[in-house]
Amino acid sequence: MAITTEYRQQNEVLVIKTGEKFDFSKVEDFRSAYGSVNPDTRHIAVDLSNTEYMDSSALGMLLNMQKSLKQNNYTYSIENARPQVAKILQISRFDKKFELR
């Protein structure tokens, strides 16, 4: 499944939904997902509800997203992570960079 995007709350929230595997093969798709954000957007949520596998390159992509968008002062969250993926995020201390929901 490809990475998809949708806007919620009158374009204030951009939701990036990853597929079953979130790894290096998704670099370009993930970059494209946040490449042109609506000017009304204030929050970016990454929905991992379908993600069963996530590697270190996915963690790097999340950090790169924040780095490349830092001038916009967005807030960020990672949502709906399955238990095995949530454990990776917690071990990697991503709860310090993202709100985990």
PDB file of N, CA and C in Angstrom:
ATOM      1  N   MET A   1       0.833  -1.179   0.000  1.00  0.00           N
ATOM      2  CA  MET A   1       0.000   0.000   0.000  1.00  0.00           C
ATOM      3  C   MET A   1       0.880   1.245   0.000  1.00  0.00           C
ATOM      4  N   ALA A   2       0.517   2.173  -0.809  1.00  0.00           N
ATOM      5  CA  ALA A   2       1.271   3.413  -0.913  1.00  0.00           C
ATOM      6  C   ALA A   2       0.969   4.335   0.262  1.00  0.00           C
ATOM      7  N   ILE A   3       1.791   5.326   0.433  1.00  0.00           N
ATOM      8  CA  ILE A   3       1.544   6.341   1.445  1.00  0.00           C
ATOM      9  C   ILE A   3       0.467   7.281   0.921  1.00  0.00           C
ATOM     10  N   THR A   4      -0.514   7.575   1.762  1.00  0.00           N
ATOM     11  CA  THR A   4      -1.615   8.451   1.360  1.00  0.00           C
ATOM     12  C   THR A   4      -1.697   9.638   2.315  1.00  0.00           C
ATOM     13  N   THR A   5      -2.343  10.688   1.843  1.00  0.00           N
ATOM     14  CA  THR A   5      -2.535  11.869   2.682  1.00  0.00           C
ATOM     15  C   THR A   5      -3.984  12.310   2.621  1.00  0.00           C
ATOM     16  N   GLU A   6      -4.405  12.958   3.688  1.00  0.00           N
ATOM     17  CA  GLU A   6      -5.722  13.581   3.717  1.00  0.00           C
ATOM     18  C   GLU A   6      -5.673  14.735   4.705  1.00  0.00           C
ATOM     19  N   TYR A   7      -6.536  15.684   4.482  1.00  0.00           N
ATOM     20  CA  TYR A   7      -6.645  16.815   5.397  1.00  0.00           C
ATOM     21  C   TYR A   7      -7.906  16.662   6.231  1.00  0.00           C
ATOM     22  N   ARG A   8      -7.805  17.090   7.488  1.00  0.00           N
ATOM     23  CA  ARG A   8      -8.938  17.070   8.410  1.00  0.00           C
ATOM     24  C   ARG A   8      -9.065  18.444   9.054  1.00  0.00           C
ATOM     25  N   GLN A   9     -10.187  18.668   9.677  1.00  0.00           N
ATOM     26  CA  GLN A   9     -10.451  19.895  10.426  1.00  0.00           C
ATOM     27  C   GLN A   9     -10.164  21.138   9.583  1.00  0.00           C
ATOM     28  N   GLN A  10     -10.820  21.200   8.450  1.00  0.00           N
ATOM     29  CA  GLN A  10     -10.728  22.346   7.541  1.00  0.00           C
ATOM     30  C   GLN A  10      -9.280  22.664   7.185  1.00  0.00           C
ATOM     31  N   ASN A  11      -8.535  21.637   6.804  1.00  0.00           N
ATOM     32  CA  ASN A  11      -7.147  21.713   6.362  1.00  0.00           C
ATOM     33  C   ASN A  11      -6.145  22.043   7.452  1.00  0.00           C
ATOM     34  N   GLU A  12      -6.567  22.084   8.718  1.00  0.00           N
ATOM     35  CA  GLU A  12      -5.626  22.390   9.794  1.00  0.00           C
ATOM     36  C   GLU A  12      -4.744  21.197  10.170  1.00  0.00           C
ATOM     37  N   VAL A  13      -5.188  19.985   9.821  1.00  0.00           N
ATOM     38  CA  VAL A  13      -4.426  18.778  10.148  1.00  0.00           C
ATOM     39  C   VAL A  13      -4.156  17.988   8.867  1.00  0.00           C
ATOM     40  N   LEU A  14      -2.883  17.744   8.600  1.00  0.00           N
ATOM     41  CA  LEU A  14      -2.484  16.866   7.504  1.00  0.00           C
ATOM     42  C   LEU A  14      -2.212  15.499   8.106  1.00  0.00           C
ATOM     43  N   VAL A  15      -2.899  14.473   7.590  1.00  0.00           N
ATOM     44  CA  VAL A  15      -2.694  13.099   8.056  1.00  0.00           C
ATOM     45  C   VAL A  15      -1.953  12.339   6.958  1.00  0.00           C
ATOM     46  N   ILE A  16      -0.804  11.790   7.321  1.00  0.00           N
ATOM     47  CA  ILE A  16      -0.006  10.965   6.410  1.00  0.00           C
ATOM     48  C   ILE A  16      -0.152   9.533   6.891  1.00  0.00           C
ATOM     49  N   LYS A  17      -0.729   8.699   6.052  1.00  0.00           N
ATOM     50  CA  LYS A  17      -0.983   7.305   6.422  1.00  0.00           C
ATOM     51  C   LYS A  17       0.024   6.417   5.691  1.00  0.00           C
ATOM     52  N   THR A  18       0.774   5.651   6.472  1.00  0.00           N
ATOM     53  CA  THR A  18       1.770   4.757   5.876  1.00  0.00           C
ATOM     54  C   THR A  18       1.160   3.390   5.626  1.00  0.00           C
ATOM     55  N   GLY A  19       1.810   2.616   4.836  1.00  0.00           N
ATOM     56  CA  GLY A  19       1.323   1.283   4.508  1.00  0.00           C
ATOM     57  C   GLY A  19       1.823   0.239   5.481  1.00  0.00           C
ATOM     58  N   GLU A  20       1.730  -1.015   5.079  1.00  0.00           N
ATOM     59  CA  GLU A  20       2.107  -2.146   5.927  1.00  0.00           C
ATOM     60  C   GLU A  20       3.586  -2.106   6.295  1.00  0.00           C
ATOM     61  N   LYS A  21       4.431  -1.724   5.331  1.00  0.00           N
ATOM     62  CA  LYS A  21       5.863  -1.594   5.574  1.00  0.00           C
ATOM     63  C   LYS A  21       6.242  -0.125   5.457  1.00  0.00           C
ATOM     64  N   PHE A  22       6.920   0.377   6.471  1.00  0.00           N
ATOM     65  CA  PHE A  22       7.425   1.745   6.459  1.00  0.00           C
ATOM     66  C   PHE A  22       8.941   1.621   6.561  1.00  0.00           C
ATOM     67  N   ASP A  23       9.573   1.625   5.383  1.00  0.00           N
ATOM     68  CA  ASP A  23      11.013   1.406   5.318  1.00  0.00           C
ATOM     69  C   ASP A  23      11.618   2.254   4.208  1.00  0.00           C
ATOM     70  N   PHE A  24      12.884   2.009   3.905  1.00  0.00           N
ATOM     71  CA  PHE A  24      13.619   2.829   2.943  1.00  0.00           C
ATOM     72  C   PHE A  24      12.946   2.917   1.578  1.00  0.00           C
ATOM     73  N   SER A  25      12.198   1.917   1.203  1.00  0.00           N
ATOM     74  CA  SER A  25      11.536   1.930  -0.108  1.00  0.00           C
ATOM     75  C   SER A  25      10.466   3.021  -0.195  1.00  0.00           C
ATOM     76  N   LYS A  26      10.103   3.604   0.930  1.00  0.00           N
ATOM     77  CA  LYS A  26       9.050   4.630   0.962  1.00  0.00           C
ATOM     78  C   LYS A  26       9.596   6.062   1.061  1.00  0.00           C
ATOM     79  N   VAL A  27      10.906   6.237   0.963  1.00  0.00           N
ATOM     80  CA  VAL A  27      11.512   7.560   1.141  1.00  0.00           C
ATOM     81  C   VAL A  27      10.873   8.612   0.240  1.00  0.00           C
ATOM     82  N   GLU A  28      10.831   8.386  -1.032  1.00  0.00           N
ATOM     83  CA  GLU A  28      10.305   9.389  -1.972  1.00  0.00           C
ATOM     84  C   GLU A  28       8.814   9.639  -1.757  1.00  0.00           C
ATOM     85  N   ASP A  29       8.051   8.574  -1.551  1.00  0.00           N
ATOM     86  CA  ASP A  29       6.613   8.729  -1.306  1.00  0.00           C
ATOM     87  C   ASP A  29       6.352   9.529  -0.038  1.00  0.00           C
ATOM     88  N   PHE A  30       7.134   9.257   1.001  1.00  0.00           N
ATOM     89  CA  PHE A  30       6.933   9.964   2.263  1.00  0.00           C
ATOM     90  C   PHE A  30       7.294  11.443   2.107  1.00  0.00           C
ATOM     91  N   ARG A  31       8.403  11.726   1.432  1.00  0.00           N
ATOM     92  CA  ARG A  31       8.798  13.122   1.184  1.00  0.00           C
ATOM     93  C   ARG A  31       7.725  13.856   0.396  1.00  0.00           C
ATOM     94  N   SER A  32       7.183  13.208  -0.591  1.00  0.00           N
ATOM     95  CA  SER A  32       6.127  13.815  -1.406  1.00  0.00           C
ATOM     96  C   SER A  32       4.879  14.114  -0.588  1.00  0.00           C
ATOM     97  N   ALA A  33       4.615  13.286   0.419  1.00  0.00           N
ATOM     98  CA  ALA A  33       3.413  13.445   1.235  1.00  0.00           C
ATOM     99  C   ALA A  33       3.399  14.769   1.991  1.00  0.00           C
ATOM    100  N   TYR A  34       4.561  15.255   2.382  1.00  0.00           N
ATOM    101  CA  TYR A  34       4.617  16.539   3.092  1.00  0.00           C
ATOM    102  C   TYR A  34       5.312  17.629   2.271  1.00  0.00           C
ATOM    103  N   GLY A  35       5.536  17.359   1.010  1.00  0.00           N
ATOM    104  CA  GLY A  35       6.249  18.302   0.143  1.00  0.00           C
ATOM    105  C   GLY A  35       5.535  19.616  -0.103  1.00  0.00           C
ATOM    106  N   SER A  36       4.234  19.587  -0.195  1.00  0.00           N
ATOM    107  CA  SER A  36       3.466  20.824  -0.396  1.00  0.00           C
ATOM    108  C   SER A  36       2.269  20.805   0.548  1.00  0.00           C
ATOM    109  N   VAL A  37       2.463  21.410   1.690  1.00  0.00           N
ATOM    110  CA  VAL A  37       1.451  21.406   2.740  1.00  0.00           C
ATOM    111  C   VAL A  37       0.542  22.623   2.569  1.00  0.00           C
ATOM    112  N   ASN A  38      -0.750  22.413   2.760  1.00  0.00           N
ATOM    113  CA  ASN A  38      -1.732  23.493   2.690  1.00  0.00           C
ATOM    114  C   ASN A  38      -1.336  24.603   3.666  1.00  0.00           C
ATOM    115  N   PRO A  39      -1.446  25.867   3.258  1.00  0.00           N
ATOM    116  CA  PRO A  39      -1.046  26.966   4.151  1.00  0.00           C
ATOM    117  C   PRO A  39      -1.856  27.057   5.446  1.00  0.00           C
ATOM    118  N   ASP A  40      -3.039  26.460   5.485  1.00  0.00           N
ATOM    119  CA  ASP A  40      -3.861  26.485   6.698  1.00  0.00           C
ATOM    120  C   ASP A  40      -3.454  25.433   7.723  1.00  0.00           C
ATOM    121  N   THR A  41      -2.562  24.542   7.347  1.00  0.00           N
ATOM    122  CA  THR A  41      -2.185  23.415   8.203  1.00  0.00           C
ATOM    123  C   THR A  41      -1.373  23.881   9.406  1.00  0.00           C
ATOM    124  N   ARG A  42      -1.712  23.317  10.565  1.00  0.00           N
ATOM    125  CA  ARG A  42      -1.014  23.626  11.813  1.00  0.00           C
ATOM    126  C   ARG A  42      -0.416  22.374  12.463  1.00  0.00           C
ATOM    127  N   HIS A  43      -0.927  21.206  12.073  1.00  0.00           N
ATOM    128  CA  HIS A  43      -0.511  19.960  12.713  1.00  0.00           C
ATOM    129  C   HIS A  43      -0.329  18.878  11.656  1.00  0.00           C
ATOM    130  N   ILE A  44       0.707  18.072  11.834  1.00  0.00           N
ATOM    131  CA  ILE A  44       0.939  16.935  10.946  1.00  0.00           C
ATOM    132  C   ILE A  44       0.900  15.662  11.775  1.00  0.00           C
ATOM    133  N   ALA A  45       0.011  14.750  11.379  1.00  0.00           N
ATOM    134  CA  ALA A  45      -0.150  13.468  12.070  1.00  0.00           C
ATOM    135  C   ALA A  45       0.282  12.349  11.133  1.00  0.00           C
ATOM    136  N   VAL A  46       1.108  11.459  11.639  1.00  0.00           N
ATOM    137  CA  VAL A  46       1.508  10.271  10.882  1.00  0.00           C
ATOM    138  C   VAL A  46       0.729   9.102  11.467  1.00  0.00           C
ATOM    139  N   ASP A  47      -0.128   8.519  10.647  1.00  0.00           N
ATOM    140  CA  ASP A  47      -0.995   7.417  11.074  1.00  0.00           C
ATOM    141  C   ASP A  47      -0.331   6.087  10.720  1.00  0.00           C
ATOM    142  N   LEU A  48       0.020   5.329  11.746  1.00  0.00           N
ATOM    143  CA  LEU A  48       0.698   4.044  11.555  1.00  0.00           C
ATOM    144  C   LEU A  48      -0.226   2.854  11.790  1.00  0.00           C
ATOM    145  N   SER A  49      -1.522   3.062  11.660  1.00  0.00           N
ATOM    146  CA  SER A  49      -2.478   1.988  11.959  1.00  0.00           C
ATOM    147  C   SER A  49      -2.304   0.763  11.068  1.00  0.00           C
ATOM    148  N   ASN A  50      -1.819   0.937   9.848  1.00  0.00           N
ATOM    149  CA  ASN A  50      -1.618  -0.200   8.941  1.00  0.00           C
ATOM    150  C   ASN A  50      -0.189  -0.738   8.964  1.00  0.00           C
ATOM    151  N   THR A  51       0.685  -0.097   9.705  1.00  0.00           N
ATOM    152  CA  THR A  51       2.108  -0.436   9.670  1.00  0.00           C
ATOM    153  C   THR A  51       2.429  -1.587  10.610  1.00  0.00           C
ATOM    154  N   GLU A  52       2.937  -2.657  10.009  1.00  0.00           N
ATOM    155  CA  GLU A  52       3.354  -3.824  10.776  1.00  0.00           C
ATOM    156  C   GLU A  52       4.871  -3.906  10.900  1.00  0.00           C
ATOM    157  N   TYR A  53       5.586  -3.246   9.987  1.00  0.00           N
ATOM    158  CA  TYR A  53       7.045  -3.282   9.989  1.00  0.00           C
ATOM    159  C   TYR A  53       7.571  -1.870   9.786  1.00  0.00           C
ATOM    160  N   MET A  54       8.527  -1.514  10.617  1.00  0.00           N
ATOM    161  CA  MET A  54       9.142  -0.192  10.552  1.00  0.00           C
ATOM    162  C   MET A  54      10.622  -0.368  10.867  1.00  0.00           C
ATOM    163  N   ASP A  55      11.491   0.211  10.039  1.00  0.00           N
ATOM    164  CA  ASP A  55      12.919   0.076  10.311  1.00  0.00           C
ATOM    165  C   ASP A  55      13.538   1.424  10.666  1.00  0.00           C
ATOM    166  N   SER A  56      14.844   1.432  10.850  1.00  0.00           N
ATOM    167  CA  SER A  56      15.519   2.656  11.277  1.00  0.00           C
ATOM    168  C   SER A  56      15.439   3.764  10.233  1.00  0.00           C
ATOM    169  N   SER A  57      15.334   3.416   8.973  1.00  0.00           N
ATOM    170  CA  SER A  57      15.209   4.466   7.954  1.00  0.00           C
ATOM    171  C   SER A  57      13.873   5.195   8.091  1.00  0.00           C
ATOM    172  N   ALA A  58      12.835   4.512   8.555  1.00  0.00           N
ATOM    173  CA  ALA A  58      11.548   5.168   8.795  1.00  0.00           C
ATOM    174  C   ALA A  58      11.680   6.183   9.932  1.00  0.00           C
ATOM    175  N   LEU A  59      12.422   5.831  10.960  1.00  0.00           N
ATOM    176  CA  LEU A  59      12.671   6.777  12.046  1.00  0.00           C
ATOM    177  C   LEU A  59      13.401   8.006  11.511  1.00  0.00           C
ATOM    178  N   GLY A  60      14.361   7.774  10.649  1.00  0.00           N
ATOM    179  CA  GLY A  60      15.088   8.881  10.024  1.00  0.00           C
ATOM    180  C   GLY A  60      14.189   9.745   9.165  1.00  0.00           C
ATOM    181  N   MET A  61      13.260   9.130   8.451  1.00  0.00           N
ATOM    182  CA  MET A  61      12.325   9.905   7.619  1.00  0.00           C
ATOM    183  C   MET A  61      11.448  10.810   8.478  1.00  0.00           C
ATOM    184  N   LEU A  62      11.024  10.316   9.632  1.00  0.00           N
ATOM    185  CA  LEU A  62      10.208  11.130  10.535  1.00  0.00           C
ATOM    186  C   LEU A  62      11.002  12.338  11.032  1.00  0.00           C
ATOM    187  N   LEU A  63      12.255  12.107  11.406  1.00  0.00           N
ATOM    188  CA  LEU A  63      13.092  13.219  11.862  1.00  0.00           C
ATOM    189  C   LEU A  63      13.392  14.206  10.744  1.00  0.00           C
ATOM    190  N   ASN A  64      13.642  13.682   9.550  1.00  0.00           N
ATOM    191  CA  ASN A  64      13.898  14.566   8.403  1.00  0.00           C
ATOM    192  C   ASN A  64      12.685  15.421   8.069  1.00  0.00           C
ATOM    193  N   MET A  65      11.495  14.863   8.230  1.00  0.00           N
ATOM    194  CA  MET A  65      10.284  15.641   7.990  1.00  0.00           C
ATOM    195  C   MET A  65      10.248  16.835   8.939  1.00  0.00           C
ATOM    196  N   GLN A  66      10.476  16.589  10.208  1.00  0.00           N
ATOM    197  CA  GLN A  66      10.481  17.684  11.178  1.00  0.00           C
ATOM    198  C   GLN A  66      11.552  18.713  10.848  1.00  0.00           C
ATOM    199  N   LYS A  67      12.715  18.240  10.486  1.00  0.00           N
ATOM    200  CA  LYS A  67      13.834  19.142  10.171  1.00  0.00           C
ATOM    201  C   LYS A  67      13.520  20.009   8.958  1.00  0.00           C
ATOM    202  N   SER A  68      12.959  19.406   7.925  1.00  0.00           N
ATOM    203  CA  SER A  68      12.695  20.163   6.700  1.00  0.00           C
ATOM    204  C   SER A  68      11.522  21.128   6.840  1.00  0.00           C
ATOM    205  N   LEU A  69      10.639  20.887   7.826  1.00  0.00           N
ATOM    206  CA  LEU A  69       9.468  21.751   8.017  1.00  0.00           C
ATOM    207  C   LEU A  69       9.577  22.637   9.255  1.00  0.00           C
ATOM    208  N   LYS A  70      10.744  22.686   9.886  1.00  0.00           N
ATOM    209  CA  LYS A  70      10.865  23.367  11.183  1.00  0.00           C
ATOM    210  C   LYS A  70      10.518  24.848  11.134  1.00  0.00           C
ATOM    211  N   GLN A  71      10.705  25.505  10.012  1.00  0.00           N
ATOM    212  CA  GLN A  71      10.404  26.937   9.918  1.00  0.00           C
ATOM    213  C   GLN A  71       8.899  27.222  10.001  1.00  0.00           C
ATOM    214  N   ASN A  72       8.065  26.201   9.855  1.00  0.00           N
ATOM    215  CA  ASN A  72       6.613  26.395   9.857  1.00  0.00           C
ATOM    216  C   ASN A  72       5.970  26.247  11.227  1.00  0.00           C
ATOM    217  N   ASN A  73       6.717  25.804  12.220  1.00  0.00           N
ATOM    218  CA  ASN A  73       6.205  25.648  13.585  1.00  0.00           C
ATOM    219  C   ASN A  73       4.972  24.749  13.691  1.00  0.00           C
ATOM    220  N   TYR A  74       4.964  23.669  12.947  1.00  0.00           N
ATOM    221  CA  TYR A  74       3.888  22.687  13.069  1.00  0.00           C
ATOM    222  C   TYR A  74       4.036  21.917  14.379  1.00  0.00           C
ATOM    223  N   THR A  75       2.930  21.344  14.833  1.00  0.00           N
ATOM    224  CA  THR A  75       2.997  20.334  15.876  1.00  0.00           C
ATOM    225  C   THR A  75       2.888  18.984  15.175  1.00  0.00           C
ATOM    226  N   TYR A  76       3.394  17.937  15.828  1.00  0.00           N
ATOM    227  CA  TYR A  76       3.466  16.620  15.197  1.00  0.00           C
ATOM    228  C   TYR A  76       2.946  15.542  16.139  1.00  0.00           C
ATOM    229  N   SER A  77       2.325  14.538  15.536  1.00  0.00           N
ATOM    230  CA  SER A  77       1.936  13.371  16.319  1.00  0.00           C
ATOM    231  C   SER A  77       2.099  12.115  15.475  1.00  0.00           C
ATOM    232  N   ILE A  78       2.268  11.010  16.184  1.00  0.00           N
ATOM    233  CA  ILE A  78       2.254   9.685  15.567  1.00  0.00           C
ATOM    234  C   ILE A  78       1.071   8.981  16.193  1.00  0.00           C
ATOM    235  N   GLU A  79       0.177   8.490  15.343  1.00  0.00           N
ATOM    236  CA  GLU A  79      -1.093   7.958  15.812  1.00  0.00           C
ATOM    237  C   GLU A  79      -1.279   6.498  15.454  1.00  0.00           C
ATOM    238  N   ASN A  80      -2.016   5.801  16.303  1.00  0.00           N
ATOM    239  CA  ASN A  80      -2.515   4.448  16.031  1.00  0.00           C
ATOM    240  C   ASN A  80      -1.429   3.407  15.769  1.00  0.00           C
ATOM    241  N   ALA A  81      -0.275   3.563  16.400  1.00  0.00           N
ATOM    242  CA  ALA A  81       0.799   2.583  16.197  1.00  0.00           C
ATOM    243  C   ALA A  81       0.419   1.261  16.859  1.00  0.00           C
ATOM    244  N   ARG A  82       0.645   0.185  16.146  1.00  0.00           N
ATOM    245  CA  ARG A  82       0.439  -1.148  16.704  1.00  0.00           C
ATOM    246  C   ARG A  82       1.473  -1.388  17.805  1.00  0.00           C
ATOM    247  N   PRO A  83       1.207  -2.319  18.714  1.00  0.00           N
ATOM    248  CA  PRO A  83       2.099  -2.495  19.870  1.00  0.00           C
ATOM    249  C   PRO A  83       3.583  -2.683  19.516  1.00  0.00           C
ATOM    250  N   GLN A  84       3.887  -3.498  18.507  1.00  0.00           N
ATOM    251  CA  GLN A  84       5.295  -3.729  18.175  1.00  0.00           C
ATOM    252  C   GLN A  84       5.955  -2.481  17.605  1.00  0.00           C
ATOM    253  N   VAL A  85       5.210  -1.675  16.877  1.00  0.00           N
ATOM    254  CA  VAL A  85       5.740  -0.423  16.324  1.00  0.00           C
ATOM    255  C   VAL A  85       5.838   0.627  17.435  1.00  0.00           C
ATOM    256  N   ALA A  86       4.856   0.677  18.307  1.00  0.00           N
ATOM    257  CA  ALA A  86       4.883   1.615  19.434  1.00  0.00           C
ATOM    258  C   ALA A  86       6.103   1.359  20.318  1.00  0.00           C
ATOM    259  N   LYS A  87       6.458   0.102  20.478  1.00  0.00           N
ATOM    260  CA  LYS A  87       7.629  -0.244  21.289  1.00  0.00           C
ATOM    261  C   LYS A  87       8.903   0.311  20.659  1.00  0.00           C
ATOM    262  N   ILE A  88       9.024   0.209  19.342  1.00  0.00           N
ATOM    263  CA  ILE A  88      10.186   0.770  18.634  1.00  0.00           C
ATOM    264  C   ILE A  88      10.257   2.277  18.866  1.00  0.00           C
ATOM    265  N   LEU A  89       9.118   2.946  18.770  1.00  0.00           N
ATOM    266  CA  LEU A  89       9.068   4.391  18.955  1.00  0.00           C
ATOM    267  C   LEU A  89       9.461   4.788  20.379  1.00  0.00           C
ATOM    268  N   GLN A  90       8.999   4.030  21.344  1.00  0.00           N
ATOM    269  CA  GLN A  90       9.319   4.342  22.738  1.00  0.00           C
ATOM    270  C   GLN A  90      10.792   4.070  23.053  1.00  0.00           C
ATOM    271  N   ILE A  91      11.316   2.957  22.573  1.00  0.00           N
ATOM    272  CA  ILE A  91      12.726   2.632  22.785  1.00  0.00           C
ATOM    273  C   ILE A  91      13.618   3.698  22.142  1.00  0.00           C
ATOM    274  N   SER A  92      13.198   4.195  20.986  1.00  0.00           N
ATOM    275  CA  SER A  92      13.957   5.215  20.257  1.00  0.00           C
ATOM    276  C   SER A  92      13.701   6.617  20.792  1.00  0.00           C
ATOM    277  N   ARG A  93      12.873   6.727  21.828  1.00  0.00           N
ATOM    278  CA  ARG A  93      12.555   7.988  22.491  1.00  0.00           C
ATOM    279  C   ARG A  93      11.862   9.000  21.579  1.00  0.00           C
ATOM    280  N   PHE A  94      11.071   8.495  20.674  1.00  0.00           N
ATOM    281  CA  PHE A  94      10.324   9.373  19.768  1.00  0.00           C
ATOM    282  C   PHE A  94       9.179  10.089  20.482  1.00  0.00           C
ATOM    283  N   ASP A  95       8.863   9.654  21.696  1.00  0.00           N
ATOM    284  CA  ASP A  95       7.859  10.359  22.474  1.00  0.00           C
ATOM    285  C   ASP A  95       8.361  11.741  22.903  1.00  0.00           C
ATOM    286  N   LYS A  96       9.649  11.994  22.754  1.00  0.00           N
ATOM    287  CA  LYS A  96      10.224  13.308  23.060  1.00  0.00           C
ATOM    288  C   LYS A  96      10.088  14.269  21.880  1.00  0.00           C
ATOM    289  N   LYS A  97       9.940  13.733  20.672  1.00  0.00           N
ATOM    290  CA  LYS A  97       9.845  14.553  19.461  1.00  0.00           C
ATOM    291  C   LYS A  97       8.430  14.651  18.910  1.00  0.00           C
ATOM    292  N   PHE A  98       7.632  13.637  19.181  1.00  0.00           N
ATOM    293  CA  PHE A  98       6.273  13.547  18.658  1.00  0.00           C
ATOM    294  C   PHE A  98       5.318  13.228  19.801  1.00  0.00           C
ATOM    295  N   GLU A  99       4.113  13.702  19.681  1.00  0.00           N
ATOM    296  CA  GLU A  99       3.079  13.245  20.600  1.00  0.00           C
ATOM    297  C   GLU A  99       2.646  11.874  20.086  1.00  0.00           C
ATOM    298  N   LEU A 100       2.699  10.865  20.946  1.00  0.00           N
ATOM    299  CA  LEU A 100       2.267   9.524  20.556  1.00  0.00           C
ATOM    300  C   LEU A 100       0.835   9.334  21.009  1.00  0.00           C
ATOM    301  N   ARG A 101      -0.051   9.078  20.045  1.00  0.00           N
ATOM    302  CA  ARG A 101      -1.476   8.917  20.355  1.00  0.00           C
ATOM    303  C   ARG A 101      -1.925   7.512  20.023  1.00  0.00           C
TER     304      ARG A 101
END
